[in-house]
Amino acid sequence: MLDVVRSVSGTPIRLTDERWAHIAEGHCELAGLRSALLRVVADPEEVLAGAAGERLAVREVEAGKALVVVYREDGDDGFVITAFLTRRMASLARRRRLWPSPTSSST
C-alpha cells in the first residue's frame, strides 16, 4: 500500500510499505500509528530543518512527548525516511524552524 499526504509546502509525501515496515520494526512503539504519522506530515505543529536537507515534522502527542517524522522533499515529490517518538524537546528546539516561518507574526 502507498499512502500520500501533502506537506505544509504542498509537496506530495509518499509513505511506502517498505518504509513503514522499517519504521515499525525499528520503533515498535509506533506500530499501529501509521495514520498518526501521516497526520503529522500533513498537519504538524512545526517543521524543522534536518542536518542533511531533510525535514522534521513535529507534533506533540502528550505532554513533553512528540512524534517526529523525517521526510525529504525533492522538487514536486517527497518521501518519508523514518519516524520516532522523543522526549528530547530541547534537542528539537535547537534546530532551525522552517514552518511556521520564524519571521511570521500573529497580528
Protein backbone atom coordinates (compact mmCIF):
# COMPACT_ATOMS: atom_id res chain seq x y z
CA MET A 1 0.00 0.00 0.00
CA LEU A 2 1.19 3.51 -0.80
CA ASP A 3 -0.04 6.46 1.22
CA VAL A 4 0.45 10.03 0.03
CA VAL A 5 -0.19 13.22 2.01
CA ARG A 6 0.71 16.81 1.26
CA SER A 7 3.30 18.57 3.37
CA VAL A 8 2.78 22.14 4.58
CA SER A 9 4.56 23.32 1.42
CA GLY A 10 2.06 21.41 -0.75
CA THR A 11 4.50 18.69 -1.82
CA PRO A 12 3.09 15.15 -2.03
CA ILE A 13 4.95 12.97 0.50
CA ARG A 14 4.91 9.19 -0.02
CA LEU A 15 4.94 6.52 2.68
CA THR A 16 5.64 3.12 1.13
CA ASP A 17 5.10 -0.27 2.75
CA GLU A 18 8.88 -0.77 2.78
CA ARG A 19 9.44 2.46 4.73
CA TRP A 20 6.55 1.69 7.08
CA ALA A 21 7.99 -1.78 7.79
CA HIS A 22 11.39 -0.18 8.51
CA ILE A 23 9.79 2.31 10.91
CA ALA A 24 7.51 -0.18 12.68
CA GLU A 25 10.30 -2.74 13.12
CA GLY A 26 12.86 -0.22 14.31
CA HIS A 27 10.45 1.69 16.55
CA CYS A 28 7.94 -0.86 17.80
CA GLU A 29 6.16 1.83 19.84
CA LEU A 30 4.95 3.26 16.50
CA ALA A 31 3.27 0.03 15.33
CA GLY A 32 -0.36 0.89 14.68
CA LEU A 33 0.36 4.61 14.32
CA ARG A 34 0.66 4.79 10.53
CA SER A 35 -2.30 7.19 10.26
CA ALA A 36 -0.92 9.36 13.05
CA LEU A 37 2.44 9.52 11.27
CA LEU A 38 0.74 10.70 8.08
CA ARG A 39 -1.24 13.32 10.02
CA VAL A 40 1.98 14.74 11.45
CA VAL A 41 3.35 15.31 7.94
CA ALA A 42 0.10 16.88 6.73
CA ASP A 43 -0.63 18.91 9.86
CA PRO A 44 2.48 19.40 12.03
CA GLU A 45 2.89 21.87 14.85
CA GLU A 46 6.21 22.81 13.27
CA VAL A 47 8.68 21.69 10.61
CA LEU A 48 12.37 21.78 11.44
CA ALA A 49 15.49 21.54 9.29
CA GLY A 50 17.46 18.32 9.38
CA ALA A 51 21.25 18.10 9.15
CA ALA A 52 21.34 16.85 5.53
CA GLY A 53 18.44 18.61 3.80
CA GLU A 54 15.66 16.50 5.28
CA ARG A 55 12.72 17.98 7.16
CA LEU A 56 11.35 17.01 10.55
CA ALA A 57 7.59 17.34 11.01
CA VAL A 58 6.83 17.54 14.73
CA ARG A 59 3.62 17.20 16.71
CA GLU A 60 3.33 16.78 20.46
CA VAL A 61 1.35 13.61 21.25
CA GLU A 62 1.30 14.02 25.02
CA ALA A 63 2.84 16.48 27.46
CA GLY A 64 6.57 16.55 26.80
CA LYS A 65 6.50 13.83 24.12
CA ALA A 66 6.50 14.38 20.36
CA LEU A 67 6.11 12.29 17.25
CA VAL A 68 8.78 13.30 14.73
CA VAL A 69 8.52 12.29 11.08
CA VAL A 70 11.65 12.72 8.99
CA TYR A 71 11.00 13.26 5.30
CA ARG A 72 12.61 14.68 2.20
CA GLU A 73 11.16 16.96 -0.47
CA ASP A 74 12.77 16.82 -3.92
CA GLY A 75 11.10 19.33 -6.19
CA ASP A 76 7.49 18.27 -6.61
CA ASP A 77 7.88 14.89 -4.89
CA GLY A 78 8.82 13.66 -1.44
CA PHE A 79 9.04 10.61 0.79
CA VAL A 80 9.13 9.59 4.45
CA ILE A 81 12.55 8.47 5.66
CA THR A 82 11.79 7.48 9.26
CA ALA A 83 9.84 8.47 12.36
CA PHE A 84 10.29 8.29 16.10
CA LEU A 85 8.87 9.40 19.43
CA THR A 86 11.01 11.65 21.60
CA ARG A 87 11.00 13.45 24.91
CA ARG A 88 14.13 15.39 23.93
CA MET A 89 12.25 18.58 23.19
CA ALA A 90 15.27 20.79 23.97
CA SER A 91 17.23 19.00 21.23
CA LEU A 92 14.46 19.72 18.74
CA ALA A 93 14.26 23.35 19.84
CA ARG A 94 17.89 23.89 18.77
CA ARG A 95 17.06 23.12 15.14
CA ARG A 96 16.19 25.80 12.60
CA ARG A 97 12.45 26.20 12.17
CA LEU A 98 11.23 26.07 8.55
CA TRP A 99 7.49 26.28 9.26
CA PRO A 100 5.73 28.19 10.52
CA SER A 101 8.15 30.81 9.33
CA PRO A 102 10.20 32.18 12.23
CA THR A 103 9.66 35.66 10.74
CA SER A 104 5.88 35.41 10.57
CA SER A 105 3.90 37.18 13.23
CA SER A 106 0.42 36.56 14.51
CA THR A 107 -1.01 40.08 14.48
